[in-house]
Amino acid sequence: MPAKLRNVLTYLVFPLILAVAVFVGAFFYFKPGAGYTAPPPPNFPFEALTVTRAADGPSGFVDQPPANPRRGIVAVDAAHRNGFREVELTALLSRITNRGHAVEFLGDFRPASAAGSPLGEGLSRADGLIIIGPRDTYSASEIAAVQEFVEQGGRVLLVADPTRSHQVNSIAAPLGLEFQPDYLYSQDDYDINFQHIVVREFQPDPLTVGLNAVILYTAGSIKTAGSPLASPGAATQSSLLADLSDVAPIATGENRNVVALSDLTVLVPPHNSFVDNDQLVSNLADFLTGGQRQFTLADFPYFFKQDVEILLGEPSLIDTGTALKSALADMQVPSRLAQREDPAVDTIFLGFYDNAGRVSSYLQANGIVVNDALSVPSAPEISTDDSGVITLHRSGDRSVLVALAQTEETLSTIVEYLIQDKFRDGLVNENVGVYKE
């Protein structure tokens, strides 16, 4: 056979024979009843999955923030590759700002740097904390910071969504909560899709005031050492759990300052606008901004929740008082110089030891005595020469900060320590700091 003809057979005929063989083999392999068995279809009747049962349109809800909102900060964790976009929180964050609180994002949605997490420092300024879908686990120091924040009265909202990967249990578990890896669905009480469950059973709580029905669009289950706030209902089932009696899609933690929600979508426009979902969003905003966080001196100036009056022990301290007033403005804390004390207003008193009598009640409350020497708790007596003291007294919603020194120069230095955030080096306890030139 000529070589040219052999080449034609090699490049044309043999590949054709091979293709036919593969086709015939595949036909018989995938022939029904042969090597492949399709999985059974879901047991959901088609007609039951296409009927709208609950939401007919927006509810017409109008948010009603308090007439006299308290100033504060709600922090949003963005230091653990959190799985959400800022635009998804438009409804919730706008309600928070309507209640007088600023919103501060901690981090840039990337892993915390080796130098440390911004979470601990950010919590020193905050009254509330929102944690949504963290994809990185929390370190031991971060967990301790959040636990201390809660113990001080800070409010925490934990949100996860079954449709988005997360490691939220690394922070939820230490707070007495566990998000389950399931999703909830109903073949009876739902909106459009069987996973859009309607929740109608709520426990009495400020977070459930005004709720008759809430649609959760991608809900999962939460086990809690605290209290369930919403029950999924008899018609609701879990993709994983056979018994839903001890789980809930909304719950408090072991401490009621912690609330968990296993559905992000309910917060996201336009889903927040159906049935009583908007009421739930407003209730969450009230929760995050309504706590009584116990601040310490180390949290300066964020314990001031209203405009501050600056009182001077002597007229000669006008420059020092003006410098502090300017610095507070840069920190978003409005203040003014005043002639006399208003017992209903946040106050800073700047003076000499000779002026201690004017603020004796605040000094005594923190165990400070000014005589020939300066006496403070947990420290030996200190000479009043070239020394100064700062103390914080809190009563109800009012904060009074007192700074005293022997000389104007020393007092000016102490105020600079406050402005430059160096005062923490002199703290002897949570409400007293002592400084020596």
Protein backbone atom coordinates (compact mmCIF):
# COMPACT_ATOMS: atom_id res chain seq x y z
CA MET A 1 0.00 0.00 0.00
CA PRO A 2 1.41 3.38 -0.92
CA ALA A 3 2.66 5.42 2.05
CA LYS A 4 0.37 8.32 1.15
CA LEU A 5 -2.75 6.12 1.35
CA ARG A 6 -1.64 4.70 4.71
CA ASN A 7 -1.37 8.26 6.07
CA VAL A 8 -4.97 9.01 4.96
CA LEU A 9 -6.27 5.91 6.77
CA THR A 10 -4.29 6.81 9.87
CA TYR A 11 -5.54 10.40 10.15
CA LEU A 12 -9.14 9.94 8.94
CA VAL A 13 -10.47 6.40 9.31
CA PHE A 14 -9.03 5.37 12.66
CA PRO A 15 -10.29 8.49 14.54
CA LEU A 16 -13.73 7.91 13.01
CA ILE A 17 -13.80 4.30 14.24
CA LEU A 18 -12.73 5.44 17.73
CA ALA A 19 -15.48 8.11 17.89
CA VAL A 20 -18.15 5.56 16.92
CA ALA A 21 -16.92 3.17 19.61
CA VAL A 22 -17.08 5.88 22.29
CA PHE A 23 -20.61 6.90 21.22
CA VAL A 24 -21.92 3.31 21.31
CA GLY A 25 -20.33 2.69 24.72
CA ALA A 26 -21.80 5.87 26.20
CA PHE A 27 -25.24 5.06 24.79
CA PHE A 28 -25.40 1.71 26.50
CA TYR A 29 -23.80 3.00 29.73
CA PHE A 30 -26.28 5.83 30.19
CA LYS A 31 -29.25 3.88 28.86
CA PRO A 32 -32.10 3.89 31.45
CA GLY A 33 -31.66 0.97 33.79
CA ALA A 34 -27.95 0.74 33.02
CA GLY A 35 -25.04 2.34 34.98
CA TYR A 36 -26.64 5.64 36.12
CA THR A 37 -29.60 6.21 38.46
CA ALA A 38 -30.99 9.73 38.80
CA PRO A 39 -31.69 11.03 42.35
CA PRO A 40 -35.35 11.15 43.37
CA PRO A 41 -37.04 14.53 42.81
CA PRO A 42 -37.83 16.73 45.86
CA ASN A 43 -41.11 15.82 47.49
CA PHE A 44 -42.70 19.26 46.94
CA PRO A 45 -45.86 19.36 44.78
CA PHE A 46 -45.41 21.93 42.04
CA GLU A 47 -48.70 23.66 42.73
CA ALA A 48 -47.72 24.10 46.39
CA LEU A 49 -44.50 25.91 45.47
CA THR A 50 -45.95 28.59 43.25
CA VAL A 51 -48.72 30.08 45.37
CA THR A 52 -48.23 33.40 47.12
CA ARG A 53 -49.55 33.06 50.66
CA ALA A 54 -48.42 36.06 52.70
CA ALA A 55 -47.04 39.28 51.24
CA ASP A 56 -49.28 41.38 49.06
CA GLY A 57 -47.03 44.43 49.00
CA PRO A 58 -45.23 47.00 51.16
CA SER A 59 -46.71 47.44 54.63
CA GLY A 60 -46.63 51.25 54.68
CA PHE A 61 -44.68 51.21 57.94
CA VAL A 62 -43.29 54.55 59.18
CA ASP A 63 -40.33 54.48 61.56
CA GLN A 64 -40.73 56.57 64.72
CA PRO A 65 -37.35 57.32 66.34
CA PRO A 66 -37.29 58.77 69.88
CA ALA A 67 -37.90 62.51 70.22
CA ASN A 68 -34.70 63.03 72.25
CA PRO A 69 -32.14 60.52 70.91
CA ARG A 70 -29.00 59.72 72.89
CA ARG A 71 -25.65 60.19 71.20
CA GLY A 72 -23.53 57.09 70.72
CA ILE A 73 -21.76 54.78 68.28
CA VAL A 74 -22.79 51.44 66.79
CA ALA A 75 -19.80 49.56 65.42
CA VAL A 76 -20.05 47.16 62.46
CA ASP A 77 -17.46 44.39 62.29
CA ALA A 78 -15.70 44.43 58.92
CA ALA A 79 -12.43 42.84 60.05
CA HIS A 80 -13.23 39.18 59.40
CA ARG A 81 -13.93 39.09 55.64
CA ASN A 82 -17.57 39.57 56.53
CA GLY A 83 -19.97 38.35 53.85
CA PHE A 84 -22.18 41.36 53.25
CA ARG A 85 -22.19 44.66 51.38
CA GLU A 86 -22.77 47.98 53.09
CA VAL A 87 -25.70 48.76 50.77
CA GLU A 88 -27.54 45.71 52.17
CA LEU A 89 -27.71 47.40 55.57
CA THR A 90 -29.21 50.67 54.33
CA ALA A 91 -32.50 50.23 56.19
CA LEU A 92 -30.98 49.19 59.52
CA LEU A 93 -28.15 51.74 59.52
CA SER A 94 -30.47 54.61 58.61
CA ARG A 95 -32.69 53.71 61.58
CA ILE A 96 -29.62 53.69 63.84
CA THR A 97 -28.52 57.17 62.72
CA ASN A 98 -32.10 58.41 63.18
CA ARG A 99 -31.66 57.45 66.82
CA GLY A 100 -28.69 59.77 67.28
CA HIS A 101 -25.97 57.15 66.90
CA ALA A 102 -23.09 57.24 64.46
CA VAL A 103 -22.14 54.07 62.57
CA GLU A 104 -18.48 53.05 62.45
CA PHE A 105 -17.12 50.17 60.35
CA LEU A 106 -14.23 48.36 62.03
CA GLY A 107 -11.89 47.05 59.35
CA ASP A 108 -11.96 46.89 55.57
CA PHE A 109 -13.56 43.48 54.91
CA ARG A 110 -10.16 41.80 54.84
CA PRO A 111 -8.45 39.60 57.44
CA ALA A 112 -7.20 41.40 60.54
CA SER A 113 -3.52 42.29 60.22
CA ALA A 114 -0.81 40.60 62.21
CA ALA A 115 -0.52 43.81 64.23
CA GLY A 116 -3.94 43.14 65.72
CA SER A 117 -7.65 43.50 65.15
CA PRO A 118 -9.46 46.85 65.18
CA LEU A 119 -12.26 45.22 67.15
CA GLY A 120 -10.93 45.81 70.67
CA GLU A 121 -10.11 49.48 70.14
CA GLY A 122 -13.37 50.09 68.29
CA LEU A 123 -15.44 48.62 71.11
CA SER A 124 -14.04 51.19 73.56
CA ARG A 125 -16.04 53.81 71.65
CA ALA A 126 -19.19 51.83 70.96
CA ASP A 127 -22.57 51.23 72.58
CA GLY A 128 -23.63 48.56 70.07
CA LEU A 129 -21.91 46.04 67.80
CA ILE A 130 -23.18 44.34 64.62
CA ILE A 131 -21.48 41.13 63.46
CA ILE A 132 -22.65 39.71 60.12
CA GLY A 133 -21.38 36.57 58.39
CA PRO A 134 -17.70 36.57 59.43
CA ARG A 135 -15.70 34.21 57.23
CA ASP A 136 -12.67 34.29 59.54
CA THR A 137 -12.74 32.95 63.08
CA TYR A 138 -12.32 35.20 66.11
CA SER A 139 -9.16 35.13 68.18
CA ALA A 140 -9.18 34.54 71.94
CA SER A 141 -8.44 38.22 72.58
CA GLU A 142 -11.30 39.32 70.32
CA ILE A 143 -13.72 36.96 72.05
CA ALA A 144 -12.63 38.31 75.43
CA ALA A 145 -13.13 41.90 74.20
CA VAL A 146 -16.67 41.16 73.00
CA GLN A 147 -17.54 39.32 76.22
CA GLU A 148 -16.30 42.26 78.31
CA PHE A 149 -18.26 44.64 76.07
CA VAL A 150 -21.44 42.66 76.72
CA GLU A 151 -20.80 42.50 80.47
CA GLN A 152 -20.42 46.30 80.49
CA GLY A 153 -23.88 46.65 78.95
CA GLY A 154 -22.94 46.83 75.26
CA ARG A 155 -25.48 45.40 72.81
CA VAL A 156 -24.49 42.83 70.15
CA LEU A 157 -26.44 41.71 67.07
CA LEU A 158 -25.21 38.50 65.40
CA VAL A 159 -26.48 37.76 61.89
CA ALA A 160 -25.77 34.77 59.67
CA ASP A 161 -27.44 33.46 56.54
CA PRO A 162 -27.67 29.81 55.45
CA THR A 163 -26.95 30.82 51.84
CA ARG A 164 -23.59 32.43 52.70
CA SER A 165 -20.55 30.72 54.20
CA HIS A 166 -19.57 31.97 57.65
CA GLN A 167 -17.70 31.23 60.87
CA VAL A 168 -20.11 33.09 63.13
CA ASN A 169 -20.17 30.32 65.73
CA SER A 170 -16.59 31.14 66.69
CA ILE A 171 -18.01 34.25 68.40
CA ALA A 172 -21.61 33.08 68.92
CA ALA A 173 -20.74 29.97 70.97
CA PRO A 174 -18.92 31.89 73.74
CA LEU A 175 -22.06 34.05 73.99
CA GLY A 176 -24.38 31.05 74.41
CA LEU A 177 -25.63 30.67 70.81
CA GLU A 178 -25.11 28.18 68.01
CA PHE A 179 -26.21 28.75 64.41
CA GLN A 180 -27.24 25.42 62.82
CA PRO A 181 -26.12 24.43 59.27
CA ASP A 182 -29.70 24.03 58.05
CA TYR A 183 -32.37 26.08 56.35
CA LEU A 184 -36.04 26.34 57.30
CA TYR A 185 -38.90 25.81 54.87
CA SER A 186 -42.65 25.37 54.86
CA GLN A 187 -45.07 23.73 52.44
CA ASP A 188 -48.00 25.51 54.02
CA ASP A 189 -47.20 29.02 55.35
CA TYR A 190 -44.78 30.85 53.07
CA ASP A 191 -44.46 33.68 50.56
CA ILE A 192 -43.95 32.66 46.89
CA ASN A 193 -41.08 30.24 47.67
CA PHE A 194 -41.22 27.41 50.21
CA GLN A 195 -38.04 28.82 51.86
CA HIS A 196 -39.71 32.20 52.45
CA ILE A 197 -41.25 31.16 55.75
CA VAL A 198 -43.81 33.23 57.66
CA VAL A 199 -43.16 33.48 61.39
CA ARG A 200 -46.21 34.30 63.52
CA GLU A 201 -45.28 33.14 67.03
CA PHE A 202 -43.26 35.59 69.18
CA GLN A 203 -42.26 35.75 72.82
CA PRO A 204 -43.04 38.98 74.72
CA ASP A 205 -39.95 41.19 74.47
CA PRO A 206 -39.07 44.75 73.36
CA LEU A 207 -37.65 43.17 70.19
CA THR A 208 -40.99 41.61 69.28
CA VAL A 209 -43.26 44.58 70.04
CA GLY A 210 -45.63 45.20 67.11
CA LEU A 211 -44.82 41.93 65.35
CA ASN A 212 -47.72 39.82 64.11
CA ALA A 213 -46.05 38.25 61.07
CA VAL A 214 -42.50 38.37 59.74
CA ILE A 215 -41.28 36.82 56.50
CA LEU A 216 -37.79 35.29 56.73
CA TYR A 217 -36.42 34.62 53.26
CA THR A 218 -33.36 32.46 53.94
CA ALA A 219 -33.80 31.46 57.57
CA GLY A 220 -31.91 28.87 59.56
CA SER A 221 -32.10 27.54 63.11
CA ILE A 222 -30.34 28.81 66.23
CA LYS A 223 -29.81 26.87 69.45
CA THR A 224 -29.54 29.12 72.49
CA ALA A 225 -28.73 29.05 76.17
CA GLY A 226 -30.92 32.15 76.36
CA SER A 227 -34.44 32.70 75.09
CA PRO A 228 -36.04 32.06 71.68
CA LEU A 229 -37.83 35.20 70.51
CA ALA A 230 -39.61 33.67 67.51
CA SER A 231 -40.91 30.12 67.00
CA PRO A 232 -40.84 28.65 63.48
CA GLY A 233 -44.35 27.22 63.83
CA ALA A 234 -45.79 23.73 63.37
CA ALA A 235 -45.84 24.01 59.56
CA THR A 236 -42.12 24.78 59.36
CA GLN A 237 -39.51 22.10 58.77
CA SER A 238 -35.72 21.99 58.78
CA SER A 239 -33.45 20.63 56.08
CA LEU A 240 -31.36 19.01 58.83
CA LEU A 241 -33.19 18.83 62.17
CA ALA A 242 -36.14 16.56 62.88
CA ASP A 243 -37.15 18.42 66.04
CA LEU A 244 -37.48 22.22 66.04
CA SER A 245 -38.78 22.54 69.59
CA ASP A 246 -35.50 23.87 71.01
CA VAL A 247 -34.40 26.12 68.13
CA ALA A 248 -35.49 29.49 66.75
CA PRO A 249 -34.59 31.79 63.84
CA ILE A 250 -34.37 34.76 66.28
CA ALA A 251 -33.04 34.39 69.82
CA THR A 252 -31.20 36.07 72.65
CA GLY A 253 -27.93 34.77 74.00
CA GLU A 254 -27.08 33.75 77.54
CA ASN A 255 -26.94 37.49 78.23
CA ARG A 256 -29.97 39.35 76.87
CA ASN A 257 -27.63 42.04 75.52
CA VAL A 258 -26.91 39.60 72.68
CA VAL A 259 -29.44 38.90 69.91
CA ALA A 260 -29.00 36.44 67.03
CA LEU A 261 -30.82 36.44 63.70
CA SER A 262 -30.41 33.61 61.20
CA ASP A 263 -31.46 35.52 58.08
CA LEU A 264 -29.68 38.52 56.58
CA THR A 265 -32.20 38.98 53.76
CA VAL A 266 -34.97 40.23 56.05
CA LEU A 267 -32.87 43.37 56.65
CA VAL A 268 -32.16 44.02 52.96
CA PRO A 269 -34.40 46.33 50.89
CA PRO A 270 -36.98 45.67 49.57
CA HIS A 271 -37.49 42.56 51.73
CA ASN A 272 -37.61 44.68 54.88
CA SER A 273 -40.77 46.44 53.65
CA PHE A 274 -43.22 43.50 53.71
CA VAL A 275 -45.66 42.62 56.50
CA ASP A 276 -43.99 43.48 59.86
CA ASN A 277 -40.39 43.17 58.69
CA ASP A 278 -39.86 46.93 58.92
CA GLN A 279 -41.05 46.85 62.53
CA LEU A 280 -38.44 44.17 63.22
CA VAL A 281 -35.71 46.35 61.67
CA SER A 282 -36.75 49.31 63.84
CA ASN A 283 -36.86 47.10 66.93
CA LEU A 284 -33.31 45.96 66.19
CA ALA A 285 -32.22 49.60 65.82
CA ASP A 286 -33.85 50.38 69.19
CA PHE A 287 -32.05 47.41 70.72
CA LEU A 288 -28.61 48.43 69.43
CA THR A 289 -28.98 52.06 70.53
CA GLY A 290 -30.91 51.55 73.76
CA GLY A 291 -28.32 49.94 76.04
CA GLN A 292 -26.69 51.34 79.17
CA ARG A 293 -23.04 50.69 78.42
CA GLN A 294 -20.81 51.19 81.48
CA PHE A 295 -17.91 53.25 80.22
CA THR A 296 -14.68 53.82 82.13
CA LEU A 297 -12.12 56.62 82.10
CA ALA A 298 -10.12 54.71 79.47
CA ASP A 299 -13.03 55.25 77.03
CA PHE A 300 -12.64 59.07 77.00
CA PRO A 301 -14.44 60.96 75.47
CA TYR A 302 -17.09 58.45 74.36
CA PHE A 303 -18.86 58.27 77.72
CA PHE A 304 -20.24 61.76 77.02
CA LYS A 305 -23.74 61.25 75.59
CA GLN A 306 -24.77 64.92 75.42
CA ASP A 307 -23.17 68.33 74.93
CA VAL A 308 -20.47 68.97 77.52
CA GLU A 309 -20.02 72.00 79.75
CA ILE A 310 -16.42 72.90 80.66
CA LEU A 311 -16.03 74.60 84.05
CA LEU A 312 -12.81 76.38 85.04
CA GLY A 313 -11.56 76.56 88.62
CA GLU A 314 -9.77 79.82 87.86
CA PRO A 315 -10.14 82.39 85.03
CA SER A 316 -6.44 81.94 84.23
CA LEU A 317 -7.25 78.47 82.82
CA ILE A 318 -9.16 79.91 79.85
CA ASP A 319 -6.48 78.87 77.33
CA THR A 320 -6.41 75.30 78.66
CA GLY A 321 -10.21 75.11 78.57
CA THR A 322 -10.35 76.50 75.03
CA ALA A 323 -7.75 73.98 73.82
CA LEU A 324 -9.81 71.11 75.26
CA LYS A 325 -13.01 72.50 73.74
CA SER A 326 -11.37 72.57 70.30
CA ALA A 327 -10.07 69.03 70.70
CA LEU A 328 -13.49 67.73 71.73
CA ALA A 329 -14.98 69.30 68.59
CA ASP A 330 -12.48 67.30 66.51
CA MET A 331 -13.73 64.19 68.34
CA GLN A 332 -17.34 65.04 67.41
CA VAL A 333 -18.20 65.95 71.02
CA PRO A 334 -19.83 69.42 71.19
CA SER A 335 -18.86 71.45 74.26
CA ARG A 336 -19.01 74.97 75.66
CA LEU A 337 -17.38 76.94 78.47
CA ALA A 338 -19.77 77.55 81.38
CA GLN A 339 -19.77 79.70 84.52
CA ARG A 340 -21.60 77.37 86.93
CA GLU A 341 -22.44 73.69 87.16
CA ASP A 342 -25.68 72.29 85.80
CA PRO A 343 -26.30 68.96 87.61
CA ALA A 344 -28.24 67.63 84.62
CA VAL A 345 -25.46 68.14 82.05
CA ASP A 346 -22.24 66.25 81.24
CA THR A 347 -19.40 68.27 82.74
CA ILE A 348 -15.61 68.65 82.70
CA PHE A 349 -14.01 70.53 85.61
CA LEU A 350 -10.47 71.86 85.14
CA GLY A 351 -8.86 73.33 88.24
CA PHE A 352 -6.09 73.43 90.82
CA TYR A 353 -5.88 71.40 94.00
CA ASP A 354 -7.04 74.54 95.81
CA ASN A 355 -10.34 74.19 93.91
CA ALA A 356 -10.91 70.61 95.10
CA GLY A 357 -13.70 71.69 97.43
CA ARG A 358 -15.93 72.55 94.47
CA VAL A 359 -15.84 68.96 93.24
CA SER A 360 -15.35 67.14 96.55
CA SER A 361 -18.36 64.84 96.08
CA TYR A 362 -16.94 63.45 92.82
CA LEU A 363 -13.48 63.02 94.35
CA GLN A 364 -14.81 61.27 97.45
CA ALA A 365 -16.96 58.93 95.35
CA ASN A 366 -13.74 57.61 93.77
CA GLY A 367 -11.71 57.54 97.00
CA ILE A 368 -9.58 60.62 96.23
CA VAL A 369 -8.41 62.91 99.02
CA VAL A 370 -6.51 66.17 98.44
CA ASN A 371 -4.71 67.63 101.45
CA ASP A 372 -1.02 68.24 101.91
CA ALA A 373 -0.60 65.15 99.73
CA LEU A 374 -2.68 63.43 97.07
CA SER A 375 -4.26 60.16 98.18
CA VAL A 376 -5.87 57.79 95.67
CA PRO A 377 -6.95 54.12 95.89
CA SER A 378 -4.35 51.40 95.25
CA ALA A 379 -1.43 53.86 95.33
CA PRO A 380 0.80 55.43 98.00
CA GLU A 381 0.37 59.09 98.89
CA ILE A 382 1.76 61.38 96.23
CA SER A 383 3.24 64.82 96.69
CA THR A 384 1.05 67.51 95.21
CA ASP A 385 4.15 69.18 93.74
CA ASP A 386 4.15 68.82 89.95
CA SER A 387 1.41 66.17 90.05
CA GLY A 388 -2.11 65.90 88.74
CA VAL A 389 -5.13 63.63 88.87
CA ILE A 390 -8.02 62.79 86.51
CA THR A 391 -11.17 61.06 87.68
CA LEU A 392 -14.49 60.08 86.10
CA HIS A 393 -17.79 59.98 87.99
CA ARG A 394 -20.88 58.54 86.31
CA SER A 395 -24.41 58.72 87.66
CA GLY A 396 -27.27 57.58 85.47
CA ASP A 397 -26.76 59.13 82.04
CA ARG A 398 -24.52 61.92 83.38
CA SER A 399 -20.70 61.88 83.26
CA VAL A 400 -18.43 64.27 85.18
CA LEU A 401 -14.71 64.38 84.42
CA VAL A 402 -12.46 66.19 86.91
CA ALA A 403 -8.84 67.14 86.22
CA LEU A 404 -6.81 68.80 89.00
CA ALA A 405 -3.15 69.78 89.29
CA GLN A 406 -0.83 71.90 91.43
CA THR A 407 0.16 74.27 88.62
CA GLU A 408 -1.25 75.56 85.38
CA GLU A 409 1.64 74.00 83.47
CA THR A 410 0.96 70.55 84.92
CA LEU A 411 -2.78 70.85 84.26
CA SER A 412 -2.08 71.86 80.67
CA THR A 413 0.12 68.78 80.29
CA ILE A 414 -2.64 66.52 81.65
CA VAL A 415 -5.13 67.99 79.18
CA GLU A 416 -2.65 67.31 76.38
CA TYR A 417 -2.46 63.69 77.57
CA LEU A 418 -6.25 63.50 77.19
CA ILE A 419 -6.18 65.10 73.75
CA GLN A 420 -3.32 62.93 72.47
CA ASP A 421 -4.71 59.71 73.97
CA LYS A 422 -1.68 59.27 76.27
CA PHE A 423 -3.56 59.46 79.57
CA ARG A 424 -4.09 55.69 79.84
CA ASP A 425 -0.49 55.22 80.98
CA GLY A 426 -1.37 56.89 84.29
CA LEU A 427 -4.55 54.94 85.13
CA VAL A 428 -4.51 53.37 88.60
CA ASN A 429 -8.02 51.94 88.24
CA GLU A 430 -10.92 52.20 85.82
CA ASN A 431 -11.94 55.70 86.97
CA VAL A 432 -8.74 57.34 88.28
CA GLY A 433 -5.46 58.38 86.66
CA VAL A 434 -2.43 59.97 88.40
CA TYR A 435 0.30 61.91 86.61
CA LYS A 436 3.66 63.19 87.83
CA GLU A 437 5.82 65.68 85.96
